[in-house]
Amino acid sequence: MKLLFAHGWGFDRHVWDALATLLPEWPHAIDDRGYFGAPDAPRVEGPCLAVTHSFGTMRVLSDPPPGLAGLVAINGFERFTALPGKPGVPVRVVDRMLRRFETDPRAVLADFRHTCGCDDPFGEIDEAPLRADLLRLRDARPPLPQVPVVVLSGGRDPILPPNMRTSVFAGCDVRRVDHEAAGHLLPIEHPELCAQAIRGALDALA
C-alpha cells in the first residue's frame, strides 16, 4: 500500500515533512501543486491510501488514482463553500479573496496562511494555480468517495465552521477524529495524531 499525500491551498509538499517521517514503513508519493515552484503530480500505480490536507482533499476527489483504497482527510472537506442545506464557508469570503487577489496576491496568501496559524516566510509565487484553485474552492463539488474515509478535525479550526466540520462526508463510510484544541494545520501541529489515524486506516484496509 502506498501513501499519496496532497496538500491544501497556499501550502506545498513541505506541510507533510514531520508526518511523513513518522510513517517510514510505507512508500510515499507526495504531490506539489506548484504554488511556489515546479509542480509535481506523481502517478500512483496499485492500491493507495490518500492522505490529504484541507483543499488537497477536493483535489484528490476530483481526480482519484485508480487504486484508491481509502482516504484520510485532515482538516479536509468535499465541498468548501456553503450550499442550501449544506454547511460551509460563505461564498462571499472566497469572492472577497478573489477580488483582492487581482491586485495583491501575496497579501491574500499571507493573510490566509496567518489565519491558518502559519507565519513562515515564502518566496516567489505562481499566481495562476493559486487563482485557479481559489475558483475551485468557490465552486467545485467533486463526487463523494466510494472508499472508507477517516476525517481529522481541529476543534479550534479558524477556517472551517463547526457545523461544516461535523457534516463533511455525510453519507460516506466515515470515522471522525476530533482534536478539540487543534486548528487548521494538524499535519504540522499534531503529526503524531495524524500518523496514528493513518496507521489505523491502513490496519482497517489490511
N, C-alpha and C. Protein backbone atom coordinates (compact mmCIF):
# COMPACT_ATOMS: atom_id res chain seq x y z
N MET A 1 0.85 -1.20 0.00
CA MET A 1 0.00 0.00 0.00
C MET A 1 0.89 1.25 0.00
N LYS A 2 0.63 2.14 -0.93
CA LYS A 2 1.38 3.40 -0.99
C LYS A 2 0.56 4.51 -0.37
N LEU A 3 1.24 5.48 0.21
CA LEU A 3 0.59 6.67 0.75
C LEU A 3 0.74 7.81 -0.24
N LEU A 4 -0.39 8.38 -0.64
CA LEU A 4 -0.40 9.53 -1.54
C LEU A 4 -0.77 10.77 -0.72
N PHE A 5 0.15 11.72 -0.63
CA PHE A 5 -0.07 12.94 0.15
C PHE A 5 -0.42 14.10 -0.79
N ALA A 6 -1.47 14.87 -0.43
CA ALA A 6 -1.89 16.02 -1.23
C ALA A 6 -2.16 17.20 -0.29
N HIS A 7 -1.43 18.29 -0.48
CA HIS A 7 -1.51 19.45 0.40
C HIS A 7 -2.67 20.37 -0.01
N GLY A 8 -2.92 21.37 0.83
CA GLY A 8 -4.02 22.29 0.61
C GLY A 8 -3.60 23.60 -0.03
N TRP A 9 -4.56 24.51 -0.17
CA TRP A 9 -4.32 25.79 -0.82
C TRP A 9 -3.35 26.64 0.00
N GLY A 10 -2.40 27.24 -0.71
CA GLY A 10 -1.47 28.15 -0.08
C GLY A 10 -0.26 27.48 0.57
N PHE A 11 -0.15 26.17 0.44
CA PHE A 11 0.97 25.44 1.03
C PHE A 11 1.63 24.57 -0.05
N ASP A 12 2.58 23.75 0.35
CA ASP A 12 3.26 22.88 -0.62
C ASP A 12 3.59 21.55 0.05
N ARG A 13 4.42 20.77 -0.60
CA ARG A 13 4.73 19.43 -0.14
C ARG A 13 5.34 19.40 1.27
N HIS A 14 5.93 20.51 1.68
CA HIS A 14 6.61 20.52 2.98
C HIS A 14 5.65 20.50 4.16
N VAL A 15 4.35 20.68 3.91
CA VAL A 15 3.39 20.55 5.00
C VAL A 15 3.42 19.13 5.58
N TRP A 16 3.97 18.18 4.80
CA TRP A 16 3.99 16.78 5.22
C TRP A 16 5.32 16.35 5.83
N ASP A 17 6.28 17.23 5.95
CA ASP A 17 7.63 16.82 6.36
C ASP A 17 7.62 16.06 7.69
N ALA A 18 6.99 16.62 8.71
CA ALA A 18 7.00 15.98 10.03
C ALA A 18 6.22 14.67 10.03
N LEU A 19 5.07 14.67 9.37
CA LEU A 19 4.22 13.48 9.37
C LEU A 19 4.83 12.34 8.56
N ALA A 20 5.36 12.64 7.40
CA ALA A 20 5.89 11.57 6.54
C ALA A 20 7.02 10.81 7.21
N THR A 21 7.83 11.50 8.01
CA THR A 21 8.94 10.81 8.68
C THR A 21 8.45 9.83 9.73
N LEU A 22 7.21 9.97 10.20
CA LEU A 22 6.67 9.05 11.19
C LEU A 22 6.08 7.79 10.57
N LEU A 23 6.08 7.72 9.24
CA LEU A 23 5.45 6.58 8.54
C LEU A 23 6.44 5.96 7.55
N PRO A 24 7.60 5.51 8.04
CA PRO A 24 8.62 5.02 7.11
C PRO A 24 8.33 3.65 6.53
N GLU A 25 7.33 2.93 7.08
CA GLU A 25 7.10 1.56 6.63
C GLU A 25 6.45 1.49 5.25
N TRP A 26 5.86 2.58 4.81
CA TRP A 26 5.13 2.57 3.55
C TRP A 26 5.77 3.52 2.55
N PRO A 27 5.76 3.18 1.26
CA PRO A 27 6.27 4.11 0.26
C PRO A 27 5.38 5.34 0.14
N HIS A 28 5.99 6.47 -0.16
CA HIS A 28 5.28 7.74 -0.22
C HIS A 28 5.26 8.28 -1.64
N ALA A 29 4.15 8.90 -2.01
CA ALA A 29 4.07 9.75 -3.21
C ALA A 29 3.52 11.09 -2.72
N ILE A 30 4.31 12.14 -2.84
CA ILE A 30 3.95 13.44 -2.29
C ILE A 30 3.82 14.44 -3.43
N ASP A 31 2.61 14.95 -3.62
CA ASP A 31 2.38 15.87 -4.74
C ASP A 31 2.74 17.30 -4.34
N ASP A 32 2.84 18.15 -5.33
CA ASP A 32 3.05 19.58 -5.10
C ASP A 32 2.32 20.33 -6.21
N ARG A 33 1.42 21.18 -5.83
CA ARG A 33 0.58 21.88 -6.81
C ARG A 33 1.37 22.92 -7.59
N GLY A 34 2.50 23.37 -7.06
CA GLY A 34 3.33 24.32 -7.81
C GLY A 34 3.06 25.77 -7.48
N TYR A 35 2.56 26.05 -6.29
CA TYR A 35 2.31 27.44 -5.92
C TYR A 35 3.62 28.22 -5.74
N PHE A 36 4.69 27.52 -5.37
CA PHE A 36 5.95 28.19 -5.05
C PHE A 36 7.12 27.69 -5.90
N GLY A 37 6.85 26.90 -6.90
CA GLY A 37 7.91 26.34 -7.73
C GLY A 37 7.32 25.34 -8.71
N ALA A 38 8.15 24.43 -9.16
CA ALA A 38 7.70 23.46 -10.16
C ALA A 38 6.66 22.51 -9.55
N PRO A 39 5.55 22.28 -10.26
CA PRO A 39 4.56 21.31 -9.75
C PRO A 39 5.06 19.89 -9.91
N ASP A 40 4.50 19.00 -9.10
CA ASP A 40 4.83 17.58 -9.17
C ASP A 40 3.56 16.79 -8.90
N ALA A 41 3.10 16.06 -9.90
CA ALA A 41 1.89 15.25 -9.78
C ALA A 41 2.28 13.79 -9.99
N PRO A 42 2.73 13.11 -8.94
CA PRO A 42 3.20 11.73 -9.12
C PRO A 42 2.08 10.79 -9.53
N ARG A 43 2.41 9.89 -10.43
CA ARG A 43 1.45 8.87 -10.86
C ARG A 43 1.55 7.68 -9.91
N VAL A 44 0.43 7.29 -9.34
CA VAL A 44 0.43 6.22 -8.34
C VAL A 44 -0.15 4.95 -8.97
N GLU A 45 0.65 3.92 -8.99
CA GLU A 45 0.20 2.62 -9.50
C GLU A 45 -0.16 1.71 -8.33
N GLY A 46 -1.22 0.95 -8.47
CA GLY A 46 -1.59 0.00 -7.43
C GLY A 46 -2.37 0.65 -6.31
N PRO A 47 -2.69 -0.15 -5.28
CA PRO A 47 -3.52 0.36 -4.18
C PRO A 47 -2.82 1.46 -3.39
N CYS A 48 -3.60 2.46 -2.98
CA CYS A 48 -3.01 3.55 -2.21
C CYS A 48 -4.04 4.10 -1.23
N LEU A 49 -3.51 4.68 -0.17
CA LEU A 49 -4.31 5.44 0.79
C LEU A 49 -3.97 6.91 0.57
N ALA A 50 -4.96 7.72 0.28
CA ALA A 50 -4.74 9.15 0.10
C ALA A 50 -4.78 9.83 1.46
N VAL A 51 -3.75 10.63 1.73
CA VAL A 51 -3.68 11.43 2.95
C VAL A 51 -3.70 12.88 2.49
N THR A 52 -4.77 13.59 2.83
CA THR A 52 -4.98 14.91 2.25
C THR A 52 -5.12 15.95 3.35
N HIS A 53 -4.74 17.17 3.01
CA HIS A 53 -4.94 18.29 3.94
C HIS A 53 -5.82 19.34 3.26
N SER A 54 -6.90 19.72 3.93
CA SER A 54 -7.72 20.84 3.50
C SER A 54 -8.15 20.68 2.04
N PHE A 55 -7.86 21.67 1.19
CA PHE A 55 -8.25 21.62 -0.22
C PHE A 55 -7.63 20.46 -0.98
N GLY A 56 -6.55 19.90 -0.46
CA GLY A 56 -5.97 18.71 -1.09
C GLY A 56 -6.97 17.58 -1.18
N THR A 57 -7.94 17.55 -0.26
CA THR A 57 -8.98 16.52 -0.30
C THR A 57 -9.82 16.67 -1.56
N MET A 58 -10.24 17.89 -1.86
CA MET A 58 -11.02 18.13 -3.08
C MET A 58 -10.20 17.79 -4.32
N ARG A 59 -8.92 18.07 -4.29
CA ARG A 59 -8.09 17.78 -5.46
C ARG A 59 -8.03 16.29 -5.74
N VAL A 60 -7.87 15.50 -4.70
CA VAL A 60 -7.82 14.05 -4.89
C VAL A 60 -9.18 13.52 -5.34
N LEU A 61 -10.25 14.03 -4.74
CA LEU A 61 -11.58 13.56 -5.13
C LEU A 61 -11.92 13.93 -6.57
N SER A 62 -11.35 15.03 -7.06
CA SER A 62 -11.62 15.43 -8.44
C SER A 62 -10.91 14.53 -9.45
N ASP A 63 -9.81 13.92 -9.04
CA ASP A 63 -9.05 13.06 -9.96
C ASP A 63 -8.43 11.92 -9.16
N PRO A 64 -9.25 11.01 -8.64
CA PRO A 64 -8.72 9.96 -7.76
C PRO A 64 -7.85 8.97 -8.52
N PRO A 65 -6.78 8.51 -7.89
CA PRO A 65 -5.97 7.46 -8.53
C PRO A 65 -6.80 6.20 -8.66
N PRO A 66 -6.53 5.39 -9.69
CA PRO A 66 -7.35 4.20 -9.92
C PRO A 66 -7.31 3.19 -8.78
N GLY A 67 -6.24 3.18 -8.01
CA GLY A 67 -6.13 2.21 -6.92
C GLY A 67 -6.51 2.77 -5.56
N LEU A 68 -7.26 3.87 -5.52
CA LEU A 68 -7.61 4.48 -4.25
C LEU A 68 -8.40 3.49 -3.38
N ALA A 69 -7.87 3.20 -2.20
CA ALA A 69 -8.49 2.23 -1.30
C ALA A 69 -9.10 2.88 -0.07
N GLY A 70 -8.66 4.07 0.26
CA GLY A 70 -9.16 4.76 1.43
C GLY A 70 -8.66 6.19 1.44
N LEU A 71 -9.23 6.99 2.34
CA LEU A 71 -8.92 8.42 2.41
C LEU A 71 -8.82 8.84 3.86
N VAL A 72 -7.72 9.52 4.19
CA VAL A 72 -7.59 10.18 5.49
C VAL A 72 -7.59 11.68 5.20
N ALA A 73 -8.70 12.34 5.51
CA ALA A 73 -8.88 13.75 5.20
C ALA A 73 -8.59 14.57 6.47
N ILE A 74 -7.48 15.28 6.47
CA ILE A 74 -7.05 16.05 7.63
C ILE A 74 -7.45 17.50 7.41
N ASN A 75 -8.31 18.02 8.29
CA ASN A 75 -8.91 19.34 8.07
C ASN A 75 -9.53 19.41 6.67
N GLY A 76 -10.08 18.30 6.22
CA GLY A 76 -10.50 18.19 4.82
C GLY A 76 -12.00 18.29 4.63
N PHE A 77 -12.40 18.35 3.36
CA PHE A 77 -13.80 18.55 3.01
C PHE A 77 -14.00 18.17 1.55
N GLU A 78 -15.24 17.83 1.19
CA GLU A 78 -15.57 17.53 -0.19
C GLU A 78 -16.16 18.73 -0.92
N ARG A 79 -16.54 19.75 -0.16
CA ARG A 79 -17.05 20.99 -0.72
C ARG A 79 -16.70 22.09 0.27
N PHE A 80 -16.19 23.25 -0.22
CA PHE A 80 -15.71 24.30 0.67
C PHE A 80 -16.79 25.31 1.00
N THR A 81 -17.44 25.85 -0.02
CA THR A 81 -18.43 26.90 0.24
C THR A 81 -19.81 26.31 0.49
N ALA A 82 -20.61 27.08 1.22
CA ALA A 82 -21.93 26.60 1.63
C ALA A 82 -22.90 26.53 0.46
N LEU A 83 -23.80 25.58 0.56
CA LEU A 83 -24.93 25.44 -0.36
C LEU A 83 -26.20 25.37 0.47
N PRO A 84 -27.36 25.59 -0.13
CA PRO A 84 -28.60 25.43 0.64
C PRO A 84 -28.69 24.04 1.26
N GLY A 85 -28.80 24.00 2.57
CA GLY A 85 -28.88 22.73 3.26
C GLY A 85 -27.56 22.06 3.52
N LYS A 86 -26.45 22.68 3.08
CA LYS A 86 -25.12 22.10 3.30
C LYS A 86 -24.20 23.15 3.90
N PRO A 87 -23.77 22.99 5.14
CA PRO A 87 -22.91 23.99 5.76
C PRO A 87 -21.57 24.12 5.05
N GLY A 88 -21.01 25.31 5.12
CA GLY A 88 -19.70 25.56 4.54
C GLY A 88 -19.30 27.00 4.77
N VAL A 89 -18.21 27.39 4.15
CA VAL A 89 -17.73 28.76 4.24
C VAL A 89 -18.58 29.64 3.32
N PRO A 90 -19.02 30.80 3.77
CA PRO A 90 -19.83 31.66 2.89
C PRO A 90 -19.10 32.00 1.60
N VAL A 91 -19.82 31.96 0.49
CA VAL A 91 -19.21 32.25 -0.81
C VAL A 91 -18.58 33.64 -0.82
N ARG A 92 -19.16 34.57 -0.11
CA ARG A 92 -18.63 35.94 -0.11
C ARG A 92 -17.20 36.01 0.41
N VAL A 93 -16.82 35.08 1.28
CA VAL A 93 -15.45 35.06 1.80
C VAL A 93 -14.47 34.79 0.66
N VAL A 94 -14.78 33.80 -0.17
CA VAL A 94 -13.88 33.47 -1.29
C VAL A 94 -13.94 34.57 -2.34
N ASP A 95 -15.11 35.12 -2.59
CA ASP A 95 -15.23 36.22 -3.55
C ASP A 95 -14.36 37.41 -3.13
N ARG A 96 -14.35 37.71 -1.85
CA ARG A 96 -13.52 38.80 -1.35
C ARG A 96 -12.03 38.49 -1.57
N MET A 97 -11.64 37.26 -1.35
CA MET A 97 -10.25 36.86 -1.59
C MET A 97 -9.91 36.98 -3.08
N LEU A 98 -10.83 36.57 -3.94
CA LEU A 98 -10.58 36.63 -5.38
C LEU A 98 -10.44 38.07 -5.86
N ARG A 99 -11.28 38.96 -5.37
CA ARG A 99 -11.17 40.36 -5.78
C ARG A 99 -9.84 40.96 -5.35
N ARG A 100 -9.46 40.70 -4.14
CA ARG A 100 -8.19 41.25 -3.64
C ARG A 100 -6.99 40.58 -4.32
N PHE A 101 -7.16 39.31 -4.69
CA PHE A 101 -6.06 38.57 -5.32
C PHE A 101 -5.64 39.24 -6.63
N GLU A 102 -6.56 39.87 -7.32
CA GLU A 102 -6.24 40.50 -8.60
C GLU A 102 -5.21 41.62 -8.45
N THR A 103 -5.17 42.27 -7.30
CA THR A 103 -4.25 43.40 -7.11
C THR A 103 -3.12 43.10 -6.15
N ASP A 104 -3.33 42.16 -5.21
CA ASP A 104 -2.30 41.90 -4.20
C ASP A 104 -2.31 40.43 -3.80
N PRO A 105 -1.90 39.55 -4.71
CA PRO A 105 -1.99 38.12 -4.42
C PRO A 105 -1.14 37.69 -3.23
N ARG A 106 0.03 38.31 -3.06
CA ARG A 106 0.88 37.89 -1.94
C ARG A 106 0.22 38.21 -0.60
N ALA A 107 -0.47 39.33 -0.52
CA ALA A 107 -1.14 39.68 0.72
C ALA A 107 -2.27 38.72 1.02
N VAL A 108 -3.02 38.32 0.01
CA VAL A 108 -4.09 37.35 0.21
C VAL A 108 -3.52 36.04 0.75
N LEU A 109 -2.44 35.60 0.14
CA LEU A 109 -1.81 34.35 0.56
C LEU A 109 -1.27 34.47 1.98
N ALA A 110 -0.57 35.56 2.27
CA ALA A 110 0.00 35.75 3.61
C ALA A 110 -1.10 35.82 4.67
N ASP A 111 -2.19 36.50 4.36
CA ASP A 111 -3.29 36.60 5.33
C ASP A 111 -3.93 35.24 5.57
N PHE A 112 -4.10 34.47 4.50
CA PHE A 112 -4.70 33.14 4.66
C PHE A 112 -3.80 32.25 5.52
N ARG A 113 -2.51 32.24 5.21
CA ARG A 113 -1.59 31.41 5.98
C ARG A 113 -1.55 31.85 7.45
N HIS A 114 -1.60 33.16 7.68
CA HIS A 114 -1.61 33.67 9.05
C HIS A 114 -2.86 33.19 9.79
N THR A 115 -4.01 33.25 9.13
CA THR A 115 -5.24 32.78 9.75
C THR A 115 -5.16 31.30 10.09
N CYS A 116 -4.50 30.54 9.23
CA CYS A 116 -4.30 29.11 9.48
C CYS A 116 -3.39 28.86 10.68
N GLY A 117 -2.53 29.84 10.99
CA GLY A 117 -1.57 29.68 12.08
C GLY A 117 -0.14 29.55 11.62
N CYS A 118 0.14 29.96 10.38
CA CYS A 118 1.48 29.85 9.81
C CYS A 118 1.96 31.22 9.35
N ASP A 119 3.04 31.69 9.95
CA ASP A 119 3.65 32.96 9.54
C ASP A 119 5.03 32.75 8.93
N ASP A 120 5.32 31.53 8.50
CA ASP A 120 6.60 31.26 7.85
C ASP A 120 6.71 32.07 6.56
N PRO A 121 7.89 32.62 6.27
CA PRO A 121 8.04 33.37 5.01
C PRO A 121 7.96 32.44 3.81
N PHE A 122 7.58 32.99 2.67
CA PHE A 122 7.54 32.20 1.43
C PHE A 122 8.16 33.04 0.32
N GLY A 123 8.65 32.34 -0.70
CA GLY A 123 9.36 33.01 -1.78
C GLY A 123 8.42 33.43 -2.90
N GLU A 124 8.94 33.34 -4.12
CA GLU A 124 8.14 33.71 -5.29
C GLU A 124 6.94 32.78 -5.42
N ILE A 125 5.85 33.33 -5.92
CA ILE A 125 4.63 32.53 -6.07
C ILE A 125 4.23 32.47 -7.54
N ASP A 126 3.52 31.42 -7.88
CA ASP A 126 2.92 31.30 -9.20
C ASP A 126 1.45 31.63 -9.05
N GLU A 127 1.05 32.79 -9.52
CA GLU A 127 -0.31 33.26 -9.30
C GLU A 127 -1.36 32.41 -10.01
N ALA A 128 -1.01 31.81 -11.14
CA ALA A 128 -2.01 31.11 -11.95
C ALA A 128 -2.66 29.94 -11.20
N PRO A 129 -1.88 28.98 -10.66
CA PRO A 129 -2.55 27.89 -9.96
C PRO A 129 -3.23 28.34 -8.66
N LEU A 130 -2.68 29.34 -8.00
CA LEU A 130 -3.32 29.84 -6.79
C LEU A 130 -4.70 30.42 -7.10
N ARG A 131 -4.78 31.22 -8.15
CA ARG A 131 -6.08 31.79 -8.51
C ARG A 131 -7.04 30.71 -9.01
N ALA A 132 -6.53 29.80 -9.85
CA ALA A 132 -7.39 28.72 -10.36
C ALA A 132 -7.97 27.89 -9.23
N ASP A 133 -7.17 27.65 -8.21
CA ASP A 133 -7.65 26.82 -7.11
C ASP A 133 -8.56 27.59 -6.16
N LEU A 134 -8.41 28.90 -6.08
CA LEU A 134 -9.40 29.69 -5.35
C LEU A 134 -10.78 29.57 -6.01
N LEU A 135 -10.78 29.58 -7.33
CA LEU A 135 -12.05 29.40 -8.05
C LEU A 135 -12.62 28.01 -7.79
N ARG A 136 -11.76 27.01 -7.73
CA ARG A 136 -12.23 25.66 -7.42
C ARG A 136 -12.77 25.59 -5.99
N LEU A 137 -12.12 26.28 -5.07
CA LEU A 137 -12.64 26.33 -3.70
C LEU A 137 -14.02 26.96 -3.66
N ARG A 138 -14.25 27.91 -4.54
CA ARG A 138 -15.54 28.58 -4.57
C ARG A 138 -16.64 27.70 -5.13
N ASP A 139 -16.34 26.97 -6.21
CA ASP A 139 -17.41 26.35 -7.00
C ASP A 139 -17.39 24.83 -7.10
N ALA A 140 -16.25 24.21 -6.94
CA ALA A 140 -16.15 22.78 -7.24
C ALA A 140 -16.87 21.93 -6.20
N ARG A 141 -17.43 20.84 -6.69
CA ARG A 141 -18.07 19.86 -5.82
C ARG A 141 -17.82 18.48 -6.39
N PRO A 142 -16.63 17.93 -6.15
CA PRO A 142 -16.30 16.62 -6.71
C PRO A 142 -17.17 15.54 -6.08
N PRO A 143 -17.26 14.38 -6.72
CA PRO A 143 -18.10 13.31 -6.18
C PRO A 143 -17.56 12.78 -4.87
N LEU A 144 -18.47 12.29 -4.04
CA LEU A 144 -18.06 11.68 -2.78
C LEU A 144 -17.29 10.39 -3.05
N PRO A 145 -16.34 10.07 -2.17
CA PRO A 145 -15.56 8.85 -2.39
C PRO A 145 -16.39 7.60 -2.10
N GLN A 146 -16.05 6.54 -2.77
CA GLN A 146 -16.70 5.24 -2.56
C GLN A 146 -15.82 4.33 -1.73
N VAL A 147 -14.92 4.91 -0.95
CA VAL A 147 -13.98 4.17 -0.11
C VAL A 147 -14.11 4.67 1.32
N PRO A 148 -13.61 3.90 2.30
CA PRO A 148 -13.68 4.36 3.69
C PRO A 148 -12.91 5.68 3.88
N VAL A 149 -13.46 6.55 4.74
CA VAL A 149 -12.89 7.87 5.00
C VAL A 149 -12.67 8.04 6.50
N VAL A 150 -11.50 8.53 6.85
CA VAL A 150 -11.22 8.99 8.20
C VAL A 150 -11.07 10.50 8.14
N VAL A 151 -11.84 11.23 8.94
CA VAL A 151 -11.80 12.69 8.97
C VAL A 151 -11.17 13.14 10.28
N LEU A 152 -10.09 13.90 10.19
CA LEU A 152 -9.46 14.50 11.36
C LEU A 152 -9.77 15.99 11.36
N SER A 153 -10.30 16.48 12.47
CA SER A 153 -10.69 17.88 12.57
C SER A 153 -10.08 18.51 13.81
N GLY A 154 -9.94 19.84 13.75
CA GLY A 154 -9.49 20.61 14.89
C GLY A 154 -10.65 21.40 15.48
N GLY A 155 -10.84 21.29 16.78
CA GLY A 155 -11.94 21.97 17.43
C GLY A 155 -11.82 23.49 17.41
N ARG A 156 -10.62 24.00 17.13
CA ARG A 156 -10.41 25.44 17.04
C ARG A 156 -9.97 25.85 15.63
N ASP A 157 -10.44 25.11 14.65
CA ASP A 157 -10.10 25.40 13.26
C ASP A 157 -10.66 26.77 12.87
N PRO A 158 -9.80 27.74 12.49
CA PRO A 158 -10.29 29.07 12.14
C PRO A 158 -10.81 29.18 10.72
N ILE A 159 -10.64 28.14 9.93
CA ILE A 159 -11.04 28.18 8.52
C ILE A 159 -12.41 27.52 8.32
N LEU A 160 -12.63 26.37 8.93
CA LEU A 160 -13.85 25.59 8.71
C LEU A 160 -14.83 25.80 9.86
N PRO A 161 -16.06 26.24 9.58
CA PRO A 161 -17.06 26.43 10.63
C PRO A 161 -17.38 25.10 11.32
N PRO A 162 -17.76 25.16 12.61
CA PRO A 162 -18.05 23.92 13.35
C PRO A 162 -19.10 23.04 12.69
N ASN A 163 -20.19 23.62 12.19
CA ASN A 163 -21.24 22.79 11.58
C ASN A 163 -20.76 22.15 10.28
N MET A 164 -19.78 22.76 9.64
CA MET A 164 -19.20 22.16 8.45
C MET A 164 -18.32 20.97 8.83
N ARG A 165 -17.51 21.15 9.88
CA ARG A 165 -16.59 20.08 10.29
C ARG A 165 -17.34 18.81 10.68
N THR A 166 -18.50 18.96 11.30
CA THR A 166 -19.22 17.78 11.77
C THR A 166 -20.08 17.13 10.70
N SER A 167 -20.19 17.78 9.53
CA SER A 167 -21.08 17.23 8.49
C SER A 167 -20.35 16.82 7.21
N VAL A 168 -19.04 17.05 7.13
CA VAL A 168 -18.33 16.66 5.91
C VAL A 168 -18.42 15.15 5.72
N PHE A 169 -18.55 14.76 4.48
CA PHE A 169 -18.63 13.35 4.07
C PHE A 169 -19.84 12.64 4.66
N ALA A 170 -20.90 13.38 4.90
CA ALA A 170 -22.15 12.76 5.34
C ALA A 170 -22.62 11.76 4.29
N GLY A 171 -23.00 10.59 4.74
CA GLY A 171 -23.45 9.55 3.84
C GLY A 171 -22.37 8.59 3.41
N CYS A 172 -21.12 8.90 3.74
CA CYS A 172 -19.99 8.01 3.40
C CYS A 172 -19.71 7.05 4.56
N ASP A 173 -18.87 6.09 4.28
CA ASP A 173 -18.33 5.21 5.33
C ASP A 173 -17.23 6.02 6.01
N VAL A 174 -17.60 6.74 7.10
CA VAL A 174 -16.69 7.73 7.67
C VAL A 174 -16.48 7.50 9.16
N ARG A 175 -15.24 7.70 9.60
CA ARG A 175 -14.90 7.71 11.02
C ARG A 175 -14.29 9.07 11.31
N ARG A 176 -14.76 9.70 12.40
CA ARG A 176 -14.35 11.06 12.71
C ARG A 176 -13.45 11.08 13.95
N VAL A 177 -12.36 11.84 13.86
CA VAL A 177 -11.44 12.05 14.97
C VAL A 177 -11.31 13.55 15.16
N ASP A 178 -11.65 14.02 16.36
CA ASP A 178 -11.63 15.46 16.61
C ASP A 178 -10.65 15.77 17.73
N HIS A 179 -9.75 16.72 17.47
CA HIS A 179 -8.82 17.22 18.49
C HIS A 179 -9.33 18.59 18.90
N GLU A 180 -9.90 18.67 20.08
CA GLU A 180 -10.62 19.88 20.49
C GLU A 180 -9.73 21.12 20.52
N ALA A 181 -8.44 20.95 20.81
CA ALA A 181 -7.55 22.10 20.98
C ALA A 181 -6.80 22.47 19.71
N ALA A 182 -7.01 21.73 18.62
CA ALA A 182 -6.21 21.92 17.41
C ALA A 182 -6.87 22.88 16.44
N GLY A 183 -6.07 23.39 15.51
CA GLY A 183 -6.55 24.31 14.50
C GLY A 183 -6.62 23.68 13.12
N HIS A 184 -6.17 24.45 12.11
CA HIS A 184 -6.30 24.00 10.72
C HIS A 184 -5.02 23.37 10.17
N LEU A 185 -4.00 23.25 10.99
CA LEU A 185 -2.73 22.71 10.50
C LEU A 185 -2.33 21.47 11.27
N LEU A 186 -3.24 20.52 11.36
CA LEU A 186 -2.96 19.29 12.10
C LEU A 186 -1.71 18.55 11.64
N PRO A 187 -1.40 18.48 10.33
CA PRO A 187 -0.18 17.76 9.94
C PRO A 187 1.10 18.37 10.51
N ILE A 188 1.08 19.68 10.73
CA ILE A 188 2.25 20.37 11.28
C ILE A 188 2.20 20.39 12.80
N GLU A 189 1.03 20.69 13.36
CA GLU A 189 0.90 20.89 14.80
C GLU A 189 0.81 19.56 15.57
N HIS A 190 0.19 18.56 14.97
CA HIS A 190 -0.04 17.29 15.66
C HIS A 190 0.24 16.11 14.73
N PRO A 191 1.47 15.98 14.25
CA PRO A 191 1.76 14.88 13.30
C PRO A 191 1.59 13.50 13.91
N GLU A 192 1.82 13.37 15.23
CA GLU A 192 1.67 12.06 15.86
C GLU A 192 0.22 11.59 15.81
N LEU A 193 -0.72 12.49 16.07
CA LEU A 193 -2.14 12.15 15.98
C LEU A 193 -2.50 11.72 14.56
N CYS A 194 -2.00 12.46 13.58
CA CYS A 194 -2.28 12.13 12.18
C CYS A 194 -1.69 10.77 11.83
N ALA A 195 -0.47 10.50 12.28
CA ALA A 195 0.17 9.22 11.98
C ALA A 195 -0.63 8.07 12.60
N GLN A 196 -1.13 8.28 13.81
CA GLN A 196 -1.93 7.23 14.46
C GLN A 196 -3.20 6.95 13.66
N ALA A 197 -3.85 7.99 13.16
CA ALA A 197 -5.06 7.81 12.37
C ALA A 197 -4.75 7.10 11.05
N ILE A 198 -3.64 7.43 10.43
CA ILE A 198 -3.26 6.79 9.17
C ILE A 198 -2.96 5.31 9.40
N ARG A 199 -2.24 5.02 10.46
CA ARG A 199 -1.96 3.60 10.78
C ARG A 199 -3.26 2.84 11.01
N GLY A 200 -4.20 3.47 11.70
CA GLY A 200 -5.49 2.81 11.92
C GLY A 200 -6.23 2.57 10.62
N ALA A 201 -6.18 3.53 9.69
CA ALA A 201 -6.83 3.35 8.40
C ALA A 201 -6.18 2.24 7.61
N LEU A 202 -4.86 2.15 7.67
CA LEU A 202 -4.16 1.11 6.95
C LEU A 202 -4.47 -0.27 7.55
N ASP A 203 -4.55 -0.35 8.87
CA ASP A 203 -4.89 -1.62 9.51
C ASP A 203 -6.29 -2.07 9.08
N ALA A 204 -7.22 -1.10 8.99
CA ALA A 204 -8.59 -1.45 8.59
C ALA A 204 -8.66 -1.94 7.16
N LEU A 205 -7.72 -1.50 6.32
CA LEU A 205 -7.72 -1.92 4.91
C LEU A 205 -6.97 -3.21 4.68
N ALA A 206 -6.21 -3.64 5.68
CA ALA A 206 -5.36 -4.84 5.51
C ALA A 206 -6.21 -6.11 5.37
